[in-house]
Amino acid sequence: MLIADSVEPSLPLVRILVWTAVLASLSLAAAAQSKATLDDNETLFSVVAAMNVCGYDQELEQSSPVRAEVRADLVEASKSPAVAGAAAQMCRFYNDHRMGGAAHDLAEYVSLALNLGPPPDFAPKMKEADLPPDATYILGFTPLLQIYYKAANLHAIWLKHQPEYLALIDQYHAPVAQMITTTDNYLRMPMSGYAGRSFTVYLEPMSAPGQVNSRNYLQDYYYLVVSPAGDNIHMDALRHTYLHFALDPLIARRATSLERLQPILKSVQTAPMAEEYKTDVGLLVIECLIRAIEARTPADPKLSDKDRFALVQRDEAEGFVLTGYFYNELRDFEKANIGLQDAFPNWLHEVDVPHEKKRAGEIAFASQAEPEVMQAARRAPLKKIDLAEQALASGNPTEAGKLAQQSLQANEDPARAYFVLAKVASFGGDMQSAQTDFQKAIDAQKDPAKDPHVAAWSHIYLGRILDLQGERDDAVAQYKAALAISEVPPDAKTAAEHGLQQPYEPPTAKHQDQDQ
């Protein structure tokens, strides 16, 4: 269900999140590129309903009325010996595999549900070896659920109560849409950054209203499973997950900048936060940035500066020691006219590592941390193209070329691979190969707006090569093509405009170009 600017009033029980003016300058077509949805899910319903059959009673009295209604139907279904027998086997597995409290159980089964396909098969979406560990532990629940689902005619129960789910979606779509709009306006991020990615909020009232489960799978798919009660939809948790969805990609190509921040990790080893943050500086950086944004833009806008900084101090006491640094950077960002995507690389580059490490070492860490909304998870292993870009940035063009070729063979991202190969060729003085590969990088992109960096700089480098060959008219055409790309990066825009003003001349060794 794609977010749209408007919904026909004739649609029964609106299921689509209304995104009103993500940015004033964005058209309906641009807004439609977003993959943010508010939805229901029969697989999730089936799994959590089965948990209720097996004794999951957490916060039953505070739950939405639909939970009690569904449970009554499940009890009625269990009067059949066949259904009772299927439930007994399913619940024996459920009870034998409990390792924590109700909240822990729910987290495991939510993880399982998000990695299963639709009923009645509930087929895993990936190989068992690739499933999250918590889902793998209870994967044996799936065949038992298949039997119970058919015996109890769980699909009929789902259809009976689905209108109540849709009514909840209709109730909450406006505040959720407002949160997304407000957050996007603050970040000022280009819509192209969301292409091919999704953020989904599932409303599941069969779970306890006090529980929120947030997941990020394969780096591009973000889920929040929440059980609303009354007017409470846990907006803080929802916004936190959405900020991860928007900002996590910012560190994907910042290996060199992140590497210099590694010493800071030594100062947080005794902090109470999750262990993943102590070993992955990228996870730590993004979480600190998100917490800084939350402190700068709290739910209560009337909160004083003193109280906002108290939030920063709380987060730093949990180990998120760069929260204060980003909090200060955001002060200036709010007055500027650039997006966070453009500001963030400079912030990383300007971190005074010795100072921040020393300051972190002086923080008195708390004895425990608040539960983290988004489960800290290591980023997926880097693709060959990511490694190629890192090798190129580290001054190893030979290795970069080898990895880019492997990336091409794996068909990971041909445009980026050709772009790396073109730069490798140019470093080696092979302008003919560079020219060919820059053109291939352009041709490989079906939508230049998906990666405006590669598209724009490919045109710019082609323009420079043509300038050096004395083909000025063709060079100008390339610079114009770079400027015509939607959301052209600021550095590329400046370089293209300079190319239009005068033919390119290679920089001297003293003033080497810092082009990407």
Protein backbone atom coordinates (compact mmCIF):
# COMPACT_ATOMS: atom_id res chain seq x y z
CA MET A 1 0.00 0.00 0.00
CA LEU A 2 1.78 3.02 -1.29
CA ILE A 3 1.58 6.35 0.46
CA ALA A 4 -0.25 8.94 -1.62
CA ASP A 5 -1.18 12.58 -1.26
CA SER A 6 -4.89 11.84 -1.31
CA VAL A 7 -7.27 8.93 -1.08
CA GLU A 8 -10.61 8.63 -2.84
CA PRO A 9 -13.31 9.07 -0.16
CA SER A 10 -15.24 6.15 -1.63
CA LEU A 11 -12.58 3.66 -0.50
CA PRO A 12 -13.98 1.62 2.42
CA LEU A 13 -11.90 1.72 5.58
CA VAL A 14 -8.89 3.50 4.11
CA ARG A 15 -5.74 1.40 4.31
CA ILE A 16 -3.32 3.85 2.77
CA LEU A 17 -1.16 6.19 4.79
CA VAL A 18 -1.74 9.72 3.63
CA TRP A 19 1.49 11.62 3.19
CA THR A 20 0.57 15.30 3.08
CA ALA A 21 3.26 17.41 1.46
CA VAL A 22 6.42 15.54 2.44
CA LEU A 23 8.20 18.65 1.30
CA ALA A 24 6.34 21.57 -0.21
CA SER A 25 8.39 21.37 -3.39
CA LEU A 26 7.82 17.64 -3.99
CA SER A 27 5.28 16.53 -6.55
CA LEU A 28 2.80 13.69 -6.14
CA ALA A 29 5.00 11.54 -8.38
CA ALA A 30 8.00 12.07 -6.12
CA ALA A 31 6.02 11.37 -2.96
CA ALA A 32 4.73 8.15 -4.49
CA GLN A 33 8.30 6.80 -4.58
CA SER A 34 8.14 6.30 -0.82
CA LYS A 35 7.69 2.80 0.48
CA ALA A 36 6.25 3.70 3.90
CA THR A 37 3.09 1.79 4.75
CA LEU A 38 0.69 1.17 7.62
CA ASP A 39 -0.79 -2.28 7.21
CA ASP A 40 -2.12 -5.54 8.60
CA ASN A 41 -0.64 -8.97 7.94
CA GLU A 42 -2.39 -12.33 8.07
CA THR A 43 0.82 -14.27 8.72
CA LEU A 44 1.61 -12.09 11.74
CA PHE A 45 -1.99 -12.41 12.93
CA SER A 46 -1.83 -16.21 12.61
CA VAL A 47 1.40 -16.53 14.56
CA VAL A 48 0.38 -14.22 17.41
CA ALA A 49 -3.14 -15.70 17.53
CA ALA A 50 -1.52 -19.12 17.91
CA MET A 51 0.54 -17.74 20.80
CA ASN A 52 -2.71 -16.63 22.45
CA VAL A 53 -4.05 -20.16 22.07
CA CYS A 54 -0.95 -21.43 23.86
CA GLY A 55 -1.19 -19.15 26.89
CA TYR A 56 0.16 -15.79 25.79
CA ASP A 57 -2.01 -13.57 28.03
CA GLN A 58 0.22 -10.54 28.61
CA GLU A 59 -1.73 -7.32 29.32
CA LEU A 60 -4.95 -8.93 28.16
CA GLU A 61 -7.21 -6.57 30.09
CA GLN A 62 -5.56 -3.46 28.56
CA SER A 63 -5.70 -4.79 24.99
CA SER A 64 -7.93 -3.64 22.15
CA PRO A 65 -11.39 -5.28 22.22
CA VAL A 66 -10.63 -7.23 19.05
CA ARG A 67 -8.13 -9.38 20.96
CA ALA A 68 -10.80 -10.73 23.29
CA GLU A 69 -13.16 -11.27 20.36
CA VAL A 70 -10.61 -13.28 18.40
CA ARG A 71 -9.70 -15.31 21.48
CA ALA A 72 -13.36 -16.18 21.93
CA ASP A 73 -13.50 -17.49 18.37
CA LEU A 74 -10.33 -19.49 18.95
CA VAL A 75 -11.85 -21.09 22.05
CA GLU A 76 -14.97 -21.96 20.07
CA ALA A 77 -12.87 -23.54 17.30
CA SER A 78 -11.00 -25.64 19.86
CA LYS A 79 -14.21 -27.46 20.77
CA SER A 80 -13.51 -29.60 17.72
CA PRO A 81 -11.32 -32.62 18.63
CA ALA A 82 -9.24 -32.13 15.47
CA VAL A 83 -8.55 -28.49 16.32
CA ALA A 84 -7.85 -29.33 19.96
CA GLY A 85 -5.36 -32.00 18.90
CA ALA A 86 -3.56 -29.65 16.51
CA ALA A 87 -3.46 -26.96 19.22
CA ALA A 88 -2.04 -29.39 21.76
CA GLN A 89 0.90 -30.32 19.54
CA MET A 90 1.54 -26.68 18.63
CA CYS A 91 1.39 -25.53 22.24
CA ARG A 92 3.68 -28.33 23.42
CA PHE A 93 6.35 -26.93 21.10
CA TYR A 94 5.59 -23.38 22.25
CA ASN A 95 5.99 -24.24 25.94
CA ASP A 96 9.06 -26.40 25.41
CA HIS A 97 10.87 -23.54 23.63
CA ARG A 98 10.17 -20.73 26.05
CA MET A 99 13.40 -19.16 27.27
CA GLY A 100 12.27 -15.85 28.76
CA GLY A 101 9.22 -13.85 29.73
CA ALA A 102 6.22 -13.02 27.57
CA ALA A 103 7.97 -10.03 25.96
CA HIS A 104 10.90 -12.24 24.92
CA ASP A 105 8.53 -14.86 23.52
CA LEU A 106 6.67 -12.25 21.50
CA ALA A 107 9.92 -10.87 20.07
CA GLU A 108 10.94 -14.33 18.85
CA TYR A 109 7.61 -15.09 17.23
CA VAL A 110 7.38 -11.66 15.61
CA SER A 111 10.81 -12.31 14.10
CA LEU A 112 9.58 -15.67 12.82
CA ALA A 113 6.37 -14.21 11.38
CA LEU A 114 8.19 -11.44 9.53
CA ASN A 115 10.32 -14.07 7.82
CA LEU A 116 7.46 -16.33 6.73
CA GLY A 117 5.36 -16.11 3.60
CA PRO A 118 1.57 -16.03 3.50
CA PRO A 119 -0.70 -18.82 4.78
CA PRO A 120 -1.51 -21.61 4.45
CA ASP A 121 2.08 -22.59 3.60
CA PHE A 122 3.97 -20.10 5.79
CA ALA A 123 7.05 -20.86 3.71
CA PRO A 124 10.26 -19.20 4.98
CA LYS A 125 11.31 -16.25 2.81
CA MET A 126 14.94 -17.32 2.85
CA LYS A 127 17.20 -20.27 3.54
CA GLU A 128 17.29 -21.45 7.13
CA ALA A 129 20.96 -20.49 7.40
CA ASP A 130 20.06 -16.90 6.54
CA LEU A 131 17.21 -16.53 9.04
CA PRO A 132 17.73 -14.45 12.20
CA PRO A 133 18.89 -16.67 15.09
CA ASP A 134 15.75 -16.08 17.16
CA ALA A 135 13.54 -17.12 14.23
CA THR A 136 15.70 -20.18 13.53
CA TYR A 137 15.33 -21.37 17.14
CA ILE A 138 11.54 -21.69 16.79
CA LEU A 139 11.32 -22.54 13.08
CA GLY A 140 9.87 -25.92 14.08
CA PHE A 141 6.71 -24.06 15.09
CA THR A 142 5.88 -23.47 11.42
CA PRO A 143 4.67 -26.98 10.35
CA LEU A 144 2.57 -27.18 13.51
CA LEU A 145 1.05 -23.80 12.71
CA GLN A 146 0.21 -25.02 9.20
CA ILE A 147 -1.80 -27.91 10.65
CA TYR A 148 -3.55 -25.73 13.22
CA TYR A 149 -4.32 -22.99 10.67
CA LYS A 150 -6.21 -25.43 8.43
CA ALA A 151 -7.91 -27.33 11.24
CA ALA A 152 -9.19 -24.20 13.00
CA ASN A 153 -10.06 -22.46 9.72
CA LEU A 154 -7.99 -19.56 10.98
CA HIS A 155 -8.40 -17.78 7.66
CA ALA A 156 -12.15 -17.42 8.28
CA ILE A 157 -11.45 -15.93 11.72
CA TRP A 158 -9.01 -13.50 10.11
CA LEU A 159 -11.55 -12.41 7.50
CA LYS A 160 -14.20 -11.95 10.19
CA HIS A 161 -12.05 -9.55 12.19
CA GLN A 162 -10.06 -7.88 9.41
CA PRO A 163 -12.53 -4.93 9.28
CA GLU A 164 -11.55 -4.14 12.88
CA TYR A 165 -7.89 -4.13 11.86
CA LEU A 166 -8.68 -1.82 8.97
CA ALA A 167 -10.58 0.47 11.34
CA LEU A 168 -7.44 0.73 13.49
CA ILE A 169 -5.40 1.60 10.39
CA ASP A 170 -7.94 4.27 9.52
CA GLN A 171 -7.74 5.62 13.09
CA TYR A 172 -3.97 5.91 13.20
CA HIS A 173 -3.01 6.81 9.63
CA ALA A 174 -3.26 10.58 10.18
CA PRO A 175 -0.90 10.85 13.19
CA VAL A 176 1.58 8.45 11.60
CA ALA A 177 1.53 10.40 8.35
CA GLN A 178 2.06 13.62 10.27
CA MET A 179 5.06 12.11 12.05
CA ILE A 180 6.62 11.08 8.74
CA THR A 181 5.98 14.47 7.19
CA THR A 182 7.46 16.33 10.15
CA THR A 183 10.51 14.06 10.26
CA ASP A 184 11.18 14.34 6.51
CA ASN A 185 10.84 18.11 6.66
CA TYR A 186 13.44 18.21 9.44
CA LEU A 187 15.90 15.91 7.66
CA ARG A 188 15.47 17.51 4.23
CA MET A 189 16.53 14.24 2.60
CA PRO A 190 16.11 13.60 -1.17
CA MET A 191 13.37 11.17 -2.12
CA SER A 192 15.81 9.17 -4.24
CA GLY A 193 17.38 7.89 -1.03
CA TYR A 194 14.29 5.76 -0.37
CA ALA A 195 14.18 4.05 -3.78
CA GLY A 196 14.03 0.26 -3.49
CA ARG A 197 13.59 0.37 0.31
CA SER A 198 10.54 -0.05 2.52
CA PHE A 199 9.30 0.96 5.96
CA THR A 200 6.25 -0.97 7.16
CA VAL A 201 4.23 -0.55 10.35
CA TYR A 202 2.06 -3.56 11.21
CA LEU A 203 -0.77 -3.11 13.68
CA GLU A 204 -1.24 -6.35 15.61
CA PRO A 205 -3.72 -6.01 18.51
CA MET A 206 -3.39 -9.71 19.38
CA SER A 207 -0.13 -8.81 21.11
CA ALA A 208 0.20 -6.91 24.39
CA PRO A 209 -0.37 -3.16 23.95
CA GLY A 210 2.79 -2.39 25.89
CA GLN A 211 5.06 -4.20 23.42
CA VAL A 212 6.84 -2.77 20.37
CA ASN A 213 9.02 -4.88 18.09
CA SER A 214 11.23 -3.26 15.48
CA ARG A 215 13.30 -5.11 12.90
CA ASN A 216 15.65 -4.34 10.02
CA TYR A 217 16.24 -7.16 7.53
CA LEU A 218 18.63 -7.14 4.55
CA GLN A 219 19.37 -3.45 5.23
CA ASP A 220 16.47 -2.27 3.08
CA TYR A 221 13.38 -3.61 4.86
CA TYR A 222 12.29 -2.00 8.11
CA TYR A 223 9.37 -3.28 10.18
CA LEU A 224 7.63 -2.04 13.29
CA VAL A 225 5.04 -4.31 14.91
CA VAL A 226 2.91 -2.48 17.43
CA SER A 227 -0.27 -3.20 19.34
CA PRO A 228 -2.21 0.04 19.82
CA ALA A 229 -4.47 0.61 22.78
CA GLY A 230 -6.73 3.63 23.01
CA ASP A 231 -4.86 6.62 21.62
CA ASN A 232 -1.44 5.07 22.20
CA ILE A 233 0.42 3.85 19.13
CA HIS A 234 3.90 4.27 20.63
CA MET A 235 4.78 7.17 18.33
CA ASP A 236 8.24 7.62 19.85
CA ALA A 237 9.17 4.05 18.95
CA LEU A 238 7.64 4.43 15.51
CA ARG A 239 9.62 7.60 14.84
CA HIS A 240 12.84 6.03 16.12
CA THR A 241 12.46 3.17 13.65
CA TYR A 242 11.62 5.57 10.83
CA LEU A 243 14.77 7.57 11.59
CA HIS A 244 16.79 4.37 11.25
CA PHE A 245 15.08 3.73 7.92
CA ALA A 246 15.98 7.22 6.72
CA LEU A 247 19.50 7.48 8.13
CA ASP A 248 21.08 4.01 8.21
CA PRO A 249 22.14 4.21 4.53
CA LEU A 250 24.27 7.27 5.31
CA ILE A 251 27.06 5.10 6.67
CA ALA A 252 27.07 2.56 3.82
CA ARG A 253 29.92 4.25 1.94
CA ARG A 254 31.75 5.91 4.81
CA ALA A 255 34.26 3.19 5.62
CA THR A 256 37.26 5.52 5.66
CA SER A 257 35.56 8.13 7.86
CA LEU A 258 34.26 5.48 10.23
CA GLU A 259 37.66 3.80 10.52
CA ARG A 260 39.17 6.91 12.08
CA LEU A 261 36.47 6.86 14.77
CA GLN A 262 37.40 3.33 15.92
CA PRO A 263 39.46 4.56 18.93
CA ILE A 264 36.26 5.92 20.50
CA LEU A 265 34.99 2.36 20.91
CA LYS A 266 37.70 1.68 23.46
CA SER A 267 36.09 4.23 25.78
CA VAL A 268 32.61 2.65 25.80
CA GLN A 269 33.42 -0.96 26.64
CA THR A 270 31.99 -0.65 30.15
CA ALA A 271 28.81 1.14 29.04
CA PRO A 272 25.47 -0.66 29.60
CA MET A 273 24.31 -0.46 25.96
CA ALA A 274 24.09 -3.55 23.74
CA GLU A 275 27.39 -5.18 22.84
CA GLU A 276 26.91 -4.57 19.11
CA TYR A 277 27.41 -0.83 19.61
CA LYS A 278 30.75 -1.46 21.30
CA THR A 279 32.19 -3.30 18.30
CA ASP A 280 30.56 -1.59 15.31
CA VAL A 281 31.32 2.12 15.14
CA GLY A 282 28.80 2.59 12.30
CA LEU A 283 25.96 1.34 14.50
CA LEU A 284 27.13 3.59 17.32
CA VAL A 285 27.35 6.68 15.09
CA ILE A 286 23.87 6.31 13.63
CA GLU A 287 22.28 5.61 17.00
CA CYS A 288 23.97 8.70 18.46
CA LEU A 289 22.76 10.80 15.54
CA ILE A 290 19.19 9.55 15.94
CA ARG A 291 19.19 10.21 19.66
CA ALA A 292 20.54 13.71 19.04
CA ILE A 293 17.68 14.37 16.62
CA GLU A 294 15.18 13.09 19.16
CA ALA A 295 16.64 15.42 21.79
CA ARG A 296 16.52 18.37 19.39
CA THR A 297 12.93 17.58 18.37
CA PRO A 298 11.24 16.01 21.43
CA ALA A 299 7.59 14.98 21.51
CA ASP A 300 6.95 18.02 23.68
CA PRO A 301 8.19 21.01 21.65
CA LYS A 302 7.93 23.23 24.74
CA LEU A 303 10.72 21.32 26.46
CA SER A 304 13.44 23.71 27.62
CA ASP A 305 17.01 23.61 26.31
CA LYS A 306 18.09 22.42 29.73
CA ASP A 307 15.67 19.50 29.63
CA ARG A 308 16.67 18.64 26.07
CA PHE A 309 20.32 18.52 27.00
CA ALA A 310 19.37 16.30 29.93
CA LEU A 311 18.16 13.80 27.34
CA VAL A 312 21.58 14.00 25.69
CA GLN A 313 23.31 13.38 29.00
CA ARG A 314 21.06 10.38 29.66
CA ASP A 315 21.94 8.88 26.27
CA GLU A 316 25.66 9.49 26.73
CA ALA A 317 25.49 7.84 30.16
CA GLU A 318 24.19 4.73 28.39
CA GLY A 319 27.25 4.78 26.10
CA PHE A 320 26.05 6.78 23.10
CA VAL A 321 28.89 9.21 23.59
CA LEU A 322 28.65 11.11 20.30
CA THR A 323 25.08 12.23 20.96
CA GLY A 324 26.29 15.58 22.31
CA TYR A 325 28.53 16.15 19.29
CA PHE A 326 25.67 15.61 16.84
CA TYR A 327 23.30 17.60 19.06
CA ASN A 328 25.55 20.64 18.66
CA GLU A 329 25.94 20.11 14.91
CA LEU A 330 22.16 19.96 14.54
CA ARG A 331 21.83 23.46 16.01
CA ASP A 332 23.57 24.90 12.94
CA PHE A 333 21.92 22.42 10.59
CA GLU A 334 18.48 23.70 11.58
CA LYS A 335 19.46 27.20 10.43
CA ALA A 336 21.04 26.06 7.15
CA ASN A 337 19.44 25.22 3.84
CA ILE A 338 20.97 21.81 3.06
CA GLY A 339 19.79 18.28 3.69
CA LEU A 340 21.18 16.03 6.37
CA GLN A 341 22.51 13.70 3.68
CA ASP A 342 24.86 16.48 2.54
CA ALA A 343 25.74 17.71 6.05
CA PHE A 344 26.50 14.30 7.58
CA PRO A 345 29.76 13.51 5.69
CA ASN A 346 31.27 16.78 6.92
CA TRP A 347 30.20 16.03 10.47
CA LEU A 348 31.97 12.68 10.34
CA HIS A 349 35.09 14.25 8.86
CA GLU A 350 35.20 16.98 11.50
CA VAL A 351 34.92 14.76 14.59
CA ASP A 352 37.86 15.53 16.87
CA VAL A 353 38.59 11.91 17.73
CA PRO A 354 41.14 12.48 20.55
CA HIS A 355 38.81 15.02 22.17
CA GLU A 356 35.71 12.80 21.89
CA LYS A 357 37.63 9.76 23.12
CA LYS A 358 38.88 11.72 26.13
CA ARG A 359 35.42 13.10 26.85
CA ALA A 360 33.88 9.63 26.59
CA GLY A 361 36.43 8.32 29.06
CA GLU A 362 35.26 10.90 31.60
CA ILE A 363 31.56 9.95 31.42
CA ALA A 364 30.16 8.09 34.41
CA PHE A 365 28.16 5.38 32.68
CA ALA A 366 24.78 4.33 34.03
CA SER A 367 24.31 0.91 35.59
CA GLN A 368 21.82 -0.10 32.91
CA ALA A 369 20.37 1.17 29.63
CA GLU A 370 16.79 1.57 28.48
CA PRO A 371 15.67 -1.21 26.10
CA GLU A 372 16.58 -0.29 22.54
CA VAL A 373 13.65 0.08 20.14
CA MET A 374 15.47 -1.06 17.00
CA GLN A 375 17.23 -4.34 17.58
CA ALA A 376 20.92 -3.65 17.11
CA ALA A 377 22.02 -5.82 14.24
CA ARG A 378 25.27 -5.88 12.37
CA ARG A 379 25.05 -4.66 8.86
CA ALA A 380 25.02 -7.33 6.18
CA PRO A 381 28.45 -8.28 4.84
CA LEU A 382 29.67 -5.68 2.38
CA LYS A 383 29.15 -6.43 -1.28
CA LYS A 384 32.09 -6.61 -3.68
CA ILE A 385 31.24 -3.15 -5.00
CA ASP A 386 31.37 -1.69 -1.48
CA LEU A 387 34.77 -3.28 -0.95
CA ALA A 388 35.89 -1.98 -4.35
CA GLU A 389 34.94 1.57 -3.40
CA GLN A 390 36.77 1.19 -0.09
CA ALA A 391 39.89 -0.07 -1.86
CA LEU A 392 39.77 2.86 -4.25
CA ALA A 393 39.37 5.34 -1.39
CA SER A 394 42.31 3.68 0.39
CA GLY A 395 44.60 4.21 -2.60
CA ASN A 396 44.61 0.65 -3.91
CA PRO A 397 43.27 0.87 -7.51
CA THR A 398 44.53 -2.60 -8.45
CA GLU A 399 42.45 -4.26 -5.75
CA ALA A 400 39.54 -1.92 -6.52
CA GLY A 401 39.55 -2.98 -10.16
CA LYS A 402 39.65 -6.66 -9.26
CA LEU A 403 36.72 -6.30 -6.84
CA ALA A 404 34.73 -4.21 -9.32
CA GLN A 405 35.10 -6.95 -11.93
CA GLN A 406 33.87 -9.52 -9.40
CA SER A 407 30.95 -7.23 -8.64
CA LEU A 408 30.08 -7.08 -12.32
CA GLN A 409 30.12 -10.87 -12.53
CA ALA A 410 27.77 -11.02 -9.54
CA ASN A 411 25.54 -8.34 -11.12
CA GLU A 412 25.43 -6.42 -7.84
CA ASP A 413 25.29 -2.87 -9.16
CA PRO A 414 26.74 -2.54 -12.69
CA ALA A 415 26.61 1.26 -12.73
CA ARG A 416 28.75 1.58 -9.59
CA ALA A 417 31.09 -1.18 -10.81
CA TYR A 418 31.71 0.52 -14.15
CA PHE A 419 32.20 3.82 -12.34
CA VAL A 420 34.95 2.29 -10.18
CA LEU A 421 36.56 0.65 -13.21
CA ALA A 422 36.51 3.97 -15.05
CA LYS A 423 38.25 5.73 -12.18
CA VAL A 424 40.80 2.93 -11.94
CA ALA A 425 41.51 3.31 -15.66
CA SER A 426 41.84 7.09 -15.35
CA PHE A 427 44.29 6.71 -12.47
CA GLY A 428 46.36 4.46 -14.72
CA GLY A 429 46.28 6.98 -17.56
CA ASP A 430 44.09 4.79 -19.79
CA MET A 431 41.67 7.51 -20.88
CA GLN A 432 40.08 5.40 -23.63
CA SER A 433 39.01 2.69 -21.18
CA ALA A 434 37.94 5.32 -18.68
CA GLN A 435 35.77 7.01 -21.27
CA THR A 436 34.18 3.69 -22.24
CA ASP A 437 33.47 2.66 -18.65
CA PHE A 438 32.04 6.05 -17.62
CA GLN A 439 29.62 5.73 -20.54
CA LYS A 440 28.77 2.17 -19.45
CA ALA A 441 28.08 3.47 -15.93
CA ILE A 442 25.59 5.93 -17.41
CA ASP A 443 23.98 3.34 -19.68
CA ALA A 444 23.64 0.82 -16.83
CA GLN A 445 21.43 3.18 -14.83
CA LYS A 446 17.77 2.79 -15.70
CA ASP A 447 16.94 5.60 -13.29
CA PRO A 448 19.76 8.16 -12.78
CA ALA A 449 17.87 9.60 -9.79
CA LYS A 450 18.41 6.32 -7.90
CA ASP A 451 22.12 7.06 -7.63
CA PRO A 452 22.60 10.69 -8.72
CA HIS A 453 26.20 10.62 -7.49
CA VAL A 454 27.33 8.00 -10.02
CA ALA A 455 25.18 9.43 -12.82
CA ALA A 456 26.30 13.03 -12.37
CA TRP A 457 30.00 12.34 -11.87
CA SER A 458 30.09 9.96 -14.84
CA HIS A 459 28.85 12.78 -17.05
CA ILE A 460 31.30 15.23 -15.47
CA TYR A 461 34.31 12.94 -15.94
CA LEU A 462 33.27 12.30 -19.54
CA GLY A 463 33.06 16.06 -20.03
CA ARG A 464 36.56 16.52 -18.65
CA ILE A 465 37.98 13.80 -20.89
CA LEU A 466 36.31 15.41 -23.89
CA ASP A 467 37.69 18.81 -22.86
CA LEU A 468 41.18 17.34 -22.75
CA GLN A 469 40.58 15.93 -26.25
CA GLY A 470 39.57 19.37 -27.52
CA GLU A 471 35.94 18.38 -28.10
CA ARG A 472 34.41 21.32 -26.25
CA ASP A 473 30.86 21.09 -27.63
CA ASP A 474 30.53 17.44 -26.59
CA ALA A 475 32.05 18.25 -23.19
CA VAL A 476 29.47 20.99 -22.58
CA ALA A 477 26.71 18.53 -23.42
CA GLN A 478 28.00 16.20 -20.70
CA TYR A 479 28.11 18.96 -18.08
CA LYS A 480 24.55 19.92 -18.97
CA ALA A 481 23.49 16.28 -18.67
CA ALA A 482 24.95 16.19 -15.15
CA LEU A 483 23.00 19.29 -14.14
CA ALA A 484 19.79 17.84 -15.59
CA ILE A 485 19.84 14.89 -13.17
CA SER A 486 17.23 15.06 -10.43
CA GLU A 487 18.71 15.96 -7.03
CA VAL A 488 22.26 16.32 -8.38
CA PRO A 489 24.69 16.32 -5.41
CA PRO A 490 26.03 19.79 -4.48
CA ASP A 491 29.66 18.92 -5.24
CA ALA A 492 28.72 17.57 -8.66
CA LYS A 493 26.56 20.63 -9.35
CA THR A 494 29.49 22.92 -8.60
CA ALA A 495 31.87 20.88 -10.78
CA ALA A 496 29.40 20.77 -13.69
CA GLU A 497 28.73 24.51 -13.52
CA HIS A 498 32.48 25.16 -13.50
CA GLY A 499 32.82 22.91 -16.55
CA LEU A 500 30.25 25.00 -18.40
CA GLN A 501 32.15 28.18 -17.61
CA GLN A 502 35.54 27.03 -18.90
CA PRO A 503 37.27 23.94 -20.31
CA TYR A 504 38.66 21.51 -17.77
CA GLU A 505 42.32 21.70 -16.82
CA PRO A 506 43.97 18.99 -14.70
CA PRO A 507 44.72 20.21 -11.15
CA THR A 508 48.28 20.63 -9.98
CA ALA A 509 49.70 18.21 -7.47
CA LYS A 510 49.35 20.90 -4.82
CA HIS A 511 45.66 21.39 -5.47
CA GLN A 512 44.44 17.90 -6.18
CA ASP A 513 40.71 17.70 -6.82
CA GLN A 514 38.73 16.05 -4.03
CA ASP A 515 36.02 14.75 -6.39
CA GLN A 516 34.15 11.69 -5.31
